[in-house]
Amino acid sequence: QVQLVESGGGLVQAGGSLTLSCAASIRIFSINFMGWYRQVS
């Protein structure tokens, strides 16, 4: 019932910047935590 869609990833040089966004399919105002995790192979 809940979908989270990320965007903004890509290739950047060291020292540069990127902005990641996540759009939720439900209202999040009362959701306890929203976060970002990462994983390397």
PDB file of all heavy atoms in Angstrom:
ATOM      1  N   GLN A   1       0.819  -1.210   0.000  1.00  0.00           N
ATOM      2  CA  GLN A   1       0.000   0.000   0.000  1.00  0.00           C
ATOM      3  C   GLN A   1       0.854   1.262   0.000  1.00  0.00           C
ATOM      4  O   GLN A   1       0.362   2.328  -0.374  1.00  0.00           O
ATOM      5  CB  GLN A   1      -0.924   0.009   1.203  1.00  0.00           C
ATOM      6  CG  GLN A   1      -2.002  -1.053   1.176  1.00  0.00           C
ATOM      7  CD  GLN A   1      -2.909  -0.966   2.397  1.00  0.00           C
ATOM      8  OE1 GLN A   1      -2.501  -0.522   3.452  1.00  0.00           O
ATOM      9  NE2 GLN A   1      -4.137  -1.407   2.232  1.00  0.00           N
ATOM     10  N   VAL A   2       2.105   1.156   0.426  1.00  0.00           N
ATOM     11  CA  VAL A   2       2.995   2.299   0.510  1.00  0.00           C
ATOM     12  C   VAL A   2       4.099   2.175  -0.528  1.00  0.00           C
ATOM     13  O   VAL A   2       4.757   1.141  -0.624  1.00  0.00           O
ATOM     14  CB  VAL A   2       3.629   2.428   1.900  1.00  0.00           C
ATOM     15  CG1 VAL A   2       4.592   3.608   1.944  1.00  0.00           C
ATOM     16  CG2 VAL A   2       2.541   2.595   2.957  1.00  0.00           C
ATOM     17  N   GLN A   3       4.290   3.238  -1.290  1.00  0.00           N
ATOM     18  CA  GLN A   3       5.363   3.293  -2.270  1.00  0.00           C
ATOM     19  C   GLN A   3       6.281   4.463  -1.964  1.00  0.00           C
ATOM     20  O   GLN A   3       5.816   5.559  -1.646  1.00  0.00           O
ATOM     21  CB  GLN A   3       4.815   3.446  -3.686  1.00  0.00           C
ATOM     22  CG  GLN A   3       4.191   2.190  -4.258  1.00  0.00           C
ATOM     23  CD  GLN A   3       3.794   2.366  -5.698  1.00  0.00           C
ATOM     24  OE1 GLN A   3       3.018   3.248  -6.038  1.00  0.00           O
ATOM     25  NE2 GLN A   3       4.337   1.520  -6.571  1.00  0.00           N
ATOM     26  N   LEU A   4       7.582   4.226  -2.061  1.00  0.00           N
ATOM     27  CA  LEU A   4       8.589   5.253  -1.892  1.00  0.00           C
ATOM     28  C   LEU A   4       9.429   5.278  -3.156  1.00  0.00           C
ATOM     29  O   LEU A   4       9.981   4.254  -3.545  1.00  0.00           O
ATOM     30  CB  LEU A   4       9.478   4.958  -0.678  1.00  0.00           C
ATOM     31  CG  LEU A   4       8.768   4.831   0.673  1.00  0.00           C
ATOM     32  CD1 LEU A   4       9.766   4.377   1.737  1.00  0.00           C
ATOM     33  CD2 LEU A   4       8.135   6.155   1.070  1.00  0.00           C
ATOM     34  N   VAL A   5       9.522   6.434  -3.786  1.00  0.00           N
ATOM     35  CA  VAL A   5      10.236   6.557  -5.047  1.00  0.00           C
ATOM     36  C   VAL A   5      11.370   7.554  -4.905  1.00  0.00           C
ATOM     37  O   VAL A   5      11.132   8.740  -4.656  1.00  0.00           O
ATOM     38  CB  VAL A   5       9.299   6.995  -6.185  1.00  0.00           C
ATOM     39  CG1 VAL A   5      10.076   7.086  -7.495  1.00  0.00           C
ATOM     40  CG2 VAL A   5       8.148   6.014  -6.327  1.00  0.00           C
ATOM     41  N   GLU A   6      12.610   7.074  -5.071  1.00  0.00           N
ATOM     42  CA  GLU A   6      13.787   7.924  -4.961  1.00  0.00           C
ATOM     43  C   GLU A   6      14.169   8.502  -6.319  1.00  0.00           C
ATOM     44  O   GLU A   6      13.915   7.895  -7.360  1.00  0.00           O
ATOM     45  CB  GLU A   6      14.984   7.133  -4.412  1.00  0.00           C
ATOM     46  CG  GLU A   6      14.743   6.471  -3.065  1.00  0.00           C
ATOM     47  CD  GLU A   6      14.421   5.005  -3.194  1.00  0.00           C
ATOM     48  OE1 GLU A   6      13.891   4.594  -4.253  1.00  0.00           O
ATOM     49  OE2 GLU A   6      14.700   4.250  -2.244  1.00  0.00           O
ATOM     50  N   SER A   7      14.830   9.654  -6.281  1.00  0.00           N
ATOM     51  CA  SER A   7      15.348  10.277  -7.482  1.00  0.00           C
ATOM     52  C   SER A   7      16.536  11.154  -7.111  1.00  0.00           C
ATOM     53  O   SER A   7      16.713  11.510  -5.947  1.00  0.00           O
ATOM     54  CB  SER A   7      14.276  11.110  -8.189  1.00  0.00           C
ATOM     55  OG  SER A   7      13.831  12.179  -7.367  1.00  0.00           O
ATOM     56  N   GLY A   8      17.348  11.498  -8.107  1.00  0.00           N
ATOM     57  CA  GLY A   8      18.455  12.412  -7.890  1.00  0.00           C
ATOM     58  C   GLY A   8      19.828  11.786  -7.907  1.00  0.00           C
ATOM     59  O   GLY A   8      20.837  12.504  -7.851  1.00  0.00           O
ATOM     60  N   GLY A   9      19.913  10.466  -7.973  1.00  0.00           N
ATOM     61  CA  GLY A   9      21.205   9.814  -8.013  1.00  0.00           C
ATOM     62  C   GLY A   9      21.909  10.063  -9.332  1.00  0.00           C
ATOM     63  O   GLY A   9      21.302  10.481 -10.315  1.00  0.00           O
ATOM     64  N   GLY A  10      23.220   9.799  -9.349  1.00  0.00           N
ATOM     65  CA  GLY A  10      23.991   9.997 -10.553  1.00  0.00           C
ATOM     66  C   GLY A  10      25.471   9.989 -10.286  1.00  0.00           C
ATOM     67  O   GLY A  10      25.925   9.566  -9.219  1.00  0.00           O
ATOM     68  N   LEU A  11      26.230  10.473 -11.260  1.00  0.00           N
ATOM     69  CA  LEU A  11      27.686  10.534 -11.176  1.00  0.00           C
ATOM     70  C   LEU A  11      28.131  11.948 -10.856  1.00  0.00           C
ATOM     71  O   LEU A  11      27.672  12.906 -11.490  1.00  0.00           O
ATOM     72  CB  LEU A  11      28.308  10.080 -12.495  1.00  0.00           C
ATOM     73  CG  LEU A  11      29.828  10.196 -12.623  1.00  0.00           C
ATOM     74  CD1 LEU A  11      30.514   9.267 -11.628  1.00  0.00           C
ATOM     75  CD2 LEU A  11      30.251   9.874 -14.043  1.00  0.00           C
ATOM     76  N   VAL A  12      29.030  12.079  -9.888  1.00  0.00           N
ATOM     77  CA  VAL A  12      29.540  13.386  -9.496  1.00  0.00           C
ATOM     78  C   VAL A  12      31.003  13.253  -9.093  1.00  0.00           C
ATOM     79  O   VAL A  12      31.432  12.200  -8.620  1.00  0.00           O
ATOM     80  CB  VAL A  12      28.702  13.975  -8.334  1.00  0.00           C
ATOM     81  CG1 VAL A  12      28.851  13.120  -7.082  1.00  0.00           C
ATOM     82  CG2 VAL A  12      29.088  15.416  -8.056  1.00  0.00           C
ATOM     83  N   GLN A  13      31.781  14.307  -9.299  1.00  0.00           N
ATOM     84  CA  GLN A  13      33.182  14.308  -8.893  1.00  0.00           C
ATOM     85  C   GLN A  13      33.309  14.542  -7.396  1.00  0.00           C
ATOM     86  O   GLN A  13      32.454  15.165  -6.772  1.00  0.00           O
ATOM     87  CB  GLN A  13      33.961  15.392  -9.640  1.00  0.00           C
ATOM     88  CG  GLN A  13      34.119  15.146 -11.125  1.00  0.00           C
ATOM     89  CD  GLN A  13      34.977  16.200 -11.794  1.00  0.00           C
ATOM     90  OE1 GLN A  13      35.040  17.344 -11.357  1.00  0.00           O
ATOM     91  NE2 GLN A  13      35.658  15.821 -12.858  1.00  0.00           N
ATOM     92  N   ALA A  14      34.389  14.035  -6.825  1.00  0.00           N
ATOM     93  CA  ALA A  14      34.662  14.267  -5.413  1.00  0.00           C
ATOM     94  C   ALA A  14      34.660  15.763  -5.121  1.00  0.00           C
ATOM     95  O   ALA A  14      35.208  16.557  -5.885  1.00  0.00           O
ATOM     96  CB  ALA A  14      36.002  13.660  -5.030  1.00  0.00           C
ATOM     97  N   GLY A  15      34.029  16.126  -4.016  1.00  0.00           N
ATOM     98  CA  GLY A  15      33.907  17.518  -3.652  1.00  0.00           C
ATOM     99  C   GLY A  15      32.629  18.164  -4.141  1.00  0.00           C
ATOM    100  O   GLY A  15      32.284  19.274  -3.708  1.00  0.00           O
ATOM    101  N   GLY A  16      31.922  17.484  -5.012  1.00  0.00           N
ATOM    102  CA  GLY A  16      30.687  18.007  -5.560  1.00  0.00           C
ATOM    103  C   GLY A  16      29.486  17.730  -4.681  1.00  0.00           C
ATOM    104  O   GLY A  16      29.615  17.214  -3.567  1.00  0.00           O
ATOM    105  N   SER A  17      28.308  18.061  -5.202  1.00  0.00           N
ATOM    106  CA  SER A  17      27.068  17.915  -4.440  1.00  0.00           C
ATOM    107  C   SER A  17      25.989  17.224  -5.250  1.00  0.00           C
ATOM    108  O   SER A  17      25.980  17.276  -6.481  1.00  0.00           O
ATOM    109  CB  SER A  17      26.545  19.291  -4.010  1.00  0.00           C
ATOM    110  OG  SER A  17      27.465  19.970  -3.187  1.00  0.00           O
ATOM    111  N   LEU A  18      25.083  16.576  -4.538  1.00  0.00           N
ATOM    112  CA  LEU A  18      23.902  15.962  -5.120  1.00  0.00           C
ATOM    113  C   LEU A  18      22.752  16.104  -4.139  1.00  0.00           C
ATOM    114  O   LEU A  18      22.972  16.164  -2.928  1.00  0.00           O
ATOM    115  CB  LEU A  18      24.106  14.480  -5.419  1.00  0.00           C
ATOM    116  CG  LEU A  18      24.864  14.073  -6.679  1.00  0.00           C
ATOM    117  CD1 LEU A  18      25.019  12.551  -6.706  1.00  0.00           C
ATOM    118  CD2 LEU A  18      24.156  14.553  -7.928  1.00  0.00           C
ATOM    119  N   THR A  19      21.542  16.131  -4.663  1.00  0.00           N
ATOM    120  CA  THR A  19      20.352  16.165  -3.836  1.00  0.00           C
ATOM    121  C   THR A  19      19.471  14.978  -4.178  1.00  0.00           C
ATOM    122  O   THR A  19      19.074  14.803  -5.330  1.00  0.00           O
ATOM    123  CB  THR A  19      19.555  17.464  -4.048  1.00  0.00           C
ATOM    124  OG1 THR A  19      20.377  18.593  -3.733  1.00  0.00           O
ATOM    125  CG2 THR A  19      18.332  17.480  -3.144  1.00  0.00           C
ATOM    126  N   LEU A  20      19.176  14.162  -3.185  1.00  0.00           N
ATOM    127  CA  LEU A  20      18.294  13.021  -3.360  1.00  0.00           C
ATOM    128  C   LEU A  20      16.911  13.359  -2.825  1.00  0.00           C
ATOM    129  O   LEU A  20      16.783  13.991  -1.772  1.00  0.00           O
ATOM    130  CB  LEU A  20      18.825  11.797  -2.619  1.00  0.00           C
ATOM    131  CG  LEU A  20      20.238  11.329  -2.971  1.00  0.00           C
ATOM    132  CD1 LEU A  20      20.562  10.057  -2.193  1.00  0.00           C
ATOM    133  CD2 LEU A  20      20.376  11.098  -4.466  1.00  0.00           C
ATOM    134  N   SER A  21      15.891  12.929  -3.539  1.00  0.00           N
ATOM    135  CA  SER A  21      14.521  13.159  -3.114  1.00  0.00           C
ATOM    136  C   SER A  21      13.767  11.844  -3.044  1.00  0.00           C
ATOM    137  O   SER A  21      14.041  10.919  -3.804  1.00  0.00           O
ATOM    138  CB  SER A  21      13.804  14.111  -4.077  1.00  0.00           C
ATOM    139  OG  SER A  21      14.394  15.387  -4.062  1.00  0.00           O
ATOM    140  N   CYS A  22      12.815  11.770  -2.136  1.00  0.00           N
ATOM    141  CA  CYS A  22      11.973  10.592  -1.971  1.00  0.00           C
ATOM    142  C   CYS A  22      10.528  11.044  -1.877  1.00  0.00           C
ATOM    143  O   CYS A  22      10.185  11.862  -1.015  1.00  0.00           O
ATOM    144  CB  CYS A  22      12.372   9.828  -0.709  1.00  0.00           C
ATOM    145  SG  CYS A  22      11.267   8.472  -0.276  1.00  0.00           S
ATOM    146  N   ALA A  23       9.700  10.512  -2.755  1.00  0.00           N
ATOM    147  CA  ALA A  23       8.281  10.835  -2.759  1.00  0.00           C
ATOM    148  C   ALA A  23       7.485   9.653  -2.230  1.00  0.00           C
ATOM    149  O   ALA A  23       7.611   8.536  -2.734  1.00  0.00           O
ATOM    150  CB  ALA A  23       7.827  11.192  -4.167  1.00  0.00           C
ATOM    151  N   ALA A  24       6.672   9.891  -1.214  1.00  0.00           N
ATOM    152  CA  ALA A  24       5.850   8.853  -0.607  1.00  0.00           C
ATOM    153  C   ALA A  24       4.436   8.898  -1.163  1.00  0.00           C
ATOM    154  O   ALA A  24       3.912   9.969  -1.477  1.00  0.00           O
ATOM    155  CB  ALA A  24       5.807   9.011   0.906  1.00  0.00           C
ATOM    156  N   SER A  25       3.815   7.736  -1.258  1.00  0.00           N
ATOM    157  CA  SER A  25       2.460   7.644  -1.788  1.00  0.00           C
ATOM    158  C   SER A  25       1.391   7.881  -0.730  1.00  0.00           C
ATOM    159  O   SER A  25       0.198   7.840  -1.037  1.00  0.00           O
ATOM    160  CB  SER A  25       2.242   6.271  -2.433  1.00  0.00           C
ATOM    161  OG  SER A  25       2.336   5.240  -1.472  1.00  0.00           O
ATOM    162  N   ILE A  26       1.799   8.121   0.510  1.00  0.00           N
ATOM    163  CA  ILE A  26       0.869   8.395   1.596  1.00  0.00           C
ATOM    164  C   ILE A  26       1.275   9.668   2.316  1.00  0.00           C
ATOM    165  O   ILE A  26       2.386  10.166   2.140  1.00  0.00           O
ATOM    166  CB  ILE A  26       0.815   7.240   2.618  1.00  0.00           C
ATOM    167  CG1 ILE A  26       2.180   7.060   3.289  1.00  0.00           C
ATOM    168  CG2 ILE A  26       0.341   5.956   1.964  1.00  0.00           C
ATOM    169  CD1 ILE A  26       2.168   6.111   4.454  1.00  0.00           C
ATOM    170  N   ARG A  27       0.382  10.190   3.149  1.00  0.00           N
ATOM    171  CA  ARG A  27       0.707  11.355   3.961  1.00  0.00           C
ATOM    172  C   ARG A  27       1.727  10.953   5.018  1.00  0.00           C
ATOM    173  O   ARG A  27       1.605   9.907   5.646  1.00  0.00           O
ATOM    174  CB  ARG A  27      -0.560  11.892   4.627  1.00  0.00           C
ATOM    175  CG  ARG A  27      -1.602  12.387   3.634  1.00  0.00           C
ATOM    176  CD  ARG A  27      -2.938  12.611   4.301  1.00  0.00           C
ATOM    177  NE  ARG A  27      -2.878  13.692   5.277  1.00  0.00           N
ATOM    178  CZ  ARG A  27      -3.875  13.991   6.116  1.00  0.00           C
ATOM    179  NH1 ARG A  27      -4.989  13.284   6.096  1.00  0.00           N
ATOM    180  NH2 ARG A  27      -3.742  14.998   6.965  1.00  0.00           N
ATOM    181  N   ILE A  28       2.738  11.788   5.222  1.00  0.00           N
ATOM    182  CA  ILE A  28       3.819  11.438   6.141  1.00  0.00           C
ATOM    183  C   ILE A  28       3.898  12.336   7.364  1.00  0.00           C
ATOM    184  O   ILE A  28       4.793  12.158   8.197  1.00  0.00           O
ATOM    185  CB  ILE A  28       5.191  11.451   5.430  1.00  0.00           C
ATOM    186  CG1 ILE A  28       5.572  12.885   5.033  1.00  0.00           C
ATOM    187  CG2 ILE A  28       5.172  10.528   4.217  1.00  0.00           C
ATOM    188  CD1 ILE A  28       7.015  13.021   4.593  1.00  0.00           C
ATOM    189  N   PHE A  29       2.976  13.266   7.525  1.00  0.00           N
ATOM    190  CA  PHE A  29       3.087  14.235   8.625  1.00  0.00           C
ATOM    191  C   PHE A  29       3.125  13.573   9.997  1.00  0.00           C
ATOM    192  O   PHE A  29       3.729  14.109  10.928  1.00  0.00           O
ATOM    193  CB  PHE A  29       1.951  15.265   8.553  1.00  0.00           C
ATOM    194  CG  PHE A  29       0.613  14.767   9.025  1.00  0.00           C
ATOM    195  CD1 PHE A  29       0.191  15.015  10.322  1.00  0.00           C
ATOM    196  CD2 PHE A  29      -0.219  14.062   8.183  1.00  0.00           C
ATOM    197  CE1 PHE A  29      -1.044  14.567  10.766  1.00  0.00           C
ATOM    198  CE2 PHE A  29      -1.453  13.605   8.608  1.00  0.00           C
ATOM    199  CZ  PHE A  29      -1.863  13.856   9.903  1.00  0.00           C
ATOM    200  N   SER A  30       2.480  12.419  10.158  1.00  0.00           N
ATOM    201  CA  SER A  30       2.452  11.734  11.445  1.00  0.00           C
ATOM    202  C   SER A  30       3.385  10.522  11.499  1.00  0.00           C
ATOM    203  O   SER A  30       3.440   9.828  12.519  1.00  0.00           O
ATOM    204  CB  SER A  30       1.028  11.292  11.789  1.00  0.00           C
ATOM    205  OG  SER A  30       0.531  10.377  10.835  1.00  0.00           O
ATOM    206  N   ILE A  31       4.106  10.279  10.415  1.00  0.00           N
ATOM    207  CA  ILE A  31       5.040   9.153  10.380  1.00  0.00           C
ATOM    208  C   ILE A  31       6.225   9.451  11.286  1.00  0.00           C
ATOM    209  O   ILE A  31       6.844  10.511  11.184  1.00  0.00           O
ATOM    210  CB  ILE A  31       5.510   8.872   8.943  1.00  0.00           C
ATOM    211  CG1 ILE A  31       4.320   8.444   8.075  1.00  0.00           C
ATOM    212  CG2 ILE A  31       6.603   7.813   8.940  1.00  0.00           C
ATOM    213  CD1 ILE A  31       3.660   7.158   8.539  1.00  0.00           C
ATOM    214  N   ASN A  32       6.552   8.524  12.171  1.00  0.00           N
ATOM    215  CA  ASN A  32       7.580   8.755  13.179  1.00  0.00           C
ATOM    216  C   ASN A  32       8.939   9.122  12.596  1.00  0.00           C
ATOM    217  O   ASN A  32       9.550  10.114  13.004  1.00  0.00           O
ATOM    218  CB  ASN A  32       7.709   7.533  14.082  1.00  0.00           C
ATOM    219  CG  ASN A  32       6.442   7.252  14.850  1.00  0.00           C
ATOM    220  OD1 ASN A  32       5.542   6.576  14.352  1.00  0.00           O
ATOM    221  ND2 ASN A  32       6.348   7.787  16.062  1.00  0.00           N
ATOM    222  N   PHE A  33       9.424   8.324  11.653  1.00  0.00           N
ATOM    223  CA  PHE A  33      10.735   8.575  11.069  1.00  0.00           C
ATOM    224  C   PHE A  33      10.718   8.403   9.559  1.00  0.00           C
ATOM    225  O   PHE A  33      10.133   7.458   9.027  1.00  0.00           O
ATOM    226  CB  PHE A  33      11.793   7.641  11.655  1.00  0.00           C
ATOM    227  CG  PHE A  33      12.175   7.948  13.063  1.00  0.00           C
ATOM    228  CD1 PHE A  33      11.657   7.217  14.119  1.00  0.00           C
ATOM    229  CD2 PHE A  33      13.072   8.972  13.335  1.00  0.00           C
ATOM    230  CE1 PHE A  33      12.020   7.498  15.423  1.00  0.00           C
ATOM    231  CE2 PHE A  33      13.438   9.265  14.641  1.00  0.00           C
ATOM    232  CZ  PHE A  33      12.912   8.533  15.685  1.00  0.00           C
ATOM    233  N   MET A  34      11.409   9.318   8.894  1.00  0.00           N
ATOM    234  CA  MET A  34      11.744   9.194   7.486  1.00  0.00           C
ATOM    235  C   MET A  34      13.260   9.236   7.418  1.00  0.00           C
ATOM    236  O   MET A  34      13.893  10.020   8.129  1.00  0.00           O
ATOM    237  CB  MET A  34      11.154  10.328   6.656  1.00  0.00           C
ATOM    238  CG  MET A  34       9.631  10.382   6.644  1.00  0.00           C
ATOM    239  SD  MET A  34       8.872   8.943   5.833  1.00  0.00           S
ATOM    240  CE  MET A  34       9.498   9.122   4.166  1.00  0.00           C
ATOM    241  N   GLY A  35      13.848   8.392   6.585  1.00  0.00           N
ATOM    242  CA  GLY A  35      15.298   8.358   6.561  1.00  0.00           C
ATOM    243  C   GLY A  35      15.898   7.877   5.260  1.00  0.00           C
ATOM    244  O   GLY A  35      15.187   7.472   4.333  1.00  0.00           O
ATOM    245  N   TRP A  36      17.222   7.949   5.219  1.00  0.00           N
ATOM    246  CA  TRP A  36      18.003   7.471   4.092  1.00  0.00           C
ATOM    247  C   TRP A  36      19.043   6.479   4.587  1.00  0.00           C
ATOM    248  O   TRP A  36      19.720   6.720   5.594  1.00  0.00           O
ATOM    249  CB  TRP A  36      18.708   8.624   3.380  1.00  0.00           C
ATOM    250  CG  TRP A  36      17.793   9.500   2.589  1.00  0.00           C
ATOM    251  CD1 TRP A  36      17.191  10.640   3.001  1.00  0.00           C
ATOM    252  CD2 TRP A  36      17.385   9.290   1.236  1.00  0.00           C
ATOM    253  NE1 TRP A  36      16.425  11.172   1.996  1.00  0.00           N
ATOM    254  CE2 TRP A  36      16.527  10.362   0.897  1.00  0.00           C
ATOM    255  CE3 TRP A  36      17.650   8.321   0.273  1.00  0.00           C
ATOM    256  CZ2 TRP A  36      15.939  10.477  -0.364  1.00  0.00           C
ATOM    257  CZ3 TRP A  36      17.068   8.435  -0.974  1.00  0.00           C
ATOM    258  CH2 TRP A  36      16.226   9.501  -1.281  1.00  0.00           C
ATOM    259  N   TYR A  37      19.160   5.372   3.894  1.00  0.00           N
ATOM    260  CA  TYR A  37      20.170   4.360   4.150  1.00  0.00           C
ATOM    261  C   TYR A  37      20.954   4.140   2.869  1.00  0.00           C
ATOM    262  O   TYR A  37      20.499   4.494   1.781  1.00  0.00           O
ATOM    263  CB  TYR A  37      19.531   3.040   4.586  1.00  0.00           C
ATOM    264  CG  TYR A  37      18.901   3.066   5.963  1.00  0.00           C
ATOM    265  CD1 TYR A  37      17.733   3.775   6.204  1.00  0.00           C
ATOM    266  CD2 TYR A  37      19.480   2.362   7.026  1.00  0.00           C
ATOM    267  CE1 TYR A  37      17.150   3.799   7.458  1.00  0.00           C
ATOM    268  CE2 TYR A  37      18.900   2.379   8.286  1.00  0.00           C
ATOM    269  CZ  TYR A  37      17.740   3.095   8.493  1.00  0.00           C
ATOM    270  OH  TYR A  37      17.165   3.110   9.740  1.00  0.00           O
ATOM    271  N   ARG A  38      22.133   3.545   2.984  1.00  0.00           N
ATOM    272  CA  ARG A  38      22.913   3.240   1.795  1.00  0.00           C
ATOM    273  C   ARG A  38      23.581   1.880   1.944  1.00  0.00           C
ATOM    274  O   ARG A  38      23.828   1.401   3.041  1.00  0.00           O
ATOM    275  CB  ARG A  38      23.961   4.322   1.517  1.00  0.00           C
ATOM    276  CG  ARG A  38      25.073   4.429   2.558  1.00  0.00           C
ATOM    277  CD  ARG A  38      25.941   5.654   2.261  1.00  0.00           C
ATOM    278  NE  ARG A  38      27.035   5.785   3.208  1.00  0.00           N
ATOM    279  CZ  ARG A  38      27.852   6.836   3.273  1.00  0.00           C
ATOM    280  NH1 ARG A  38      27.684   7.852   2.432  1.00  0.00           N
ATOM    281  NH2 ARG A  38      28.826   6.867   4.169  1.00  0.00           N
ATOM    282  N   GLN A  39      23.888   1.281   0.798  1.00  0.00           N
ATOM    283  CA  GLN A  39      24.488  -0.034   0.801  1.00  0.00           C
ATOM    284  C   GLN A  39      25.465  -0.186  -0.356  1.00  0.00           C
ATOM    285  O   GLN A  39      25.164   0.177  -1.486  1.00  0.00           O
ATOM    286  CB  GLN A  39      23.414  -1.122   0.716  1.00  0.00           C
ATOM    287  CG  GLN A  39      23.942  -2.538   0.862  1.00  0.00           C
ATOM    288  CD  GLN A  39      22.833  -3.554   1.019  1.00  0.00           C
ATOM    289  OE1 GLN A  39      21.705  -3.328   0.583  1.00  0.00           O
ATOM    290  NE2 GLN A  39      23.140  -4.668   1.649  1.00  0.00           N
ATOM    291  N   VAL A  40      26.632  -0.730  -0.038  1.00  0.00           N
ATOM    292  CA  VAL A  40      27.656  -1.045  -1.026  1.00  0.00           C
ATOM    293  C   VAL A  40      27.678  -2.559  -1.183  1.00  0.00           C
ATOM    294  O   VAL A  40      27.481  -3.300  -0.211  1.00  0.00           O
ATOM    295  CB  VAL A  40      29.039  -0.531  -0.583  1.00  0.00           C
ATOM    296  CG1 VAL A  40      30.107  -0.900  -1.606  1.00  0.00           C
ATOM    297  CG2 VAL A  40      29.001   0.972  -0.375  1.00  0.00           C
ATOM    298  N   SER A  41      27.931  -3.035  -2.393  1.00  0.00           N
ATOM    299  CA  SER A  41      27.979  -4.470  -2.636  1.00  0.00           C
ATOM    300  C   SER A  41      28.937  -5.155  -1.676  1.00  0.00           C
ATOM    301  O   SER A  41      30.082  -4.730  -1.515  1.00  0.00           O
ATOM    302  CB  SER A  41      28.410  -4.750  -4.077  1.00  0.00           C
ATOM    303  OG  SER A  41      27.450  -4.266  -4.995  1.00  0.00           O
TER     304      SER A  41
END
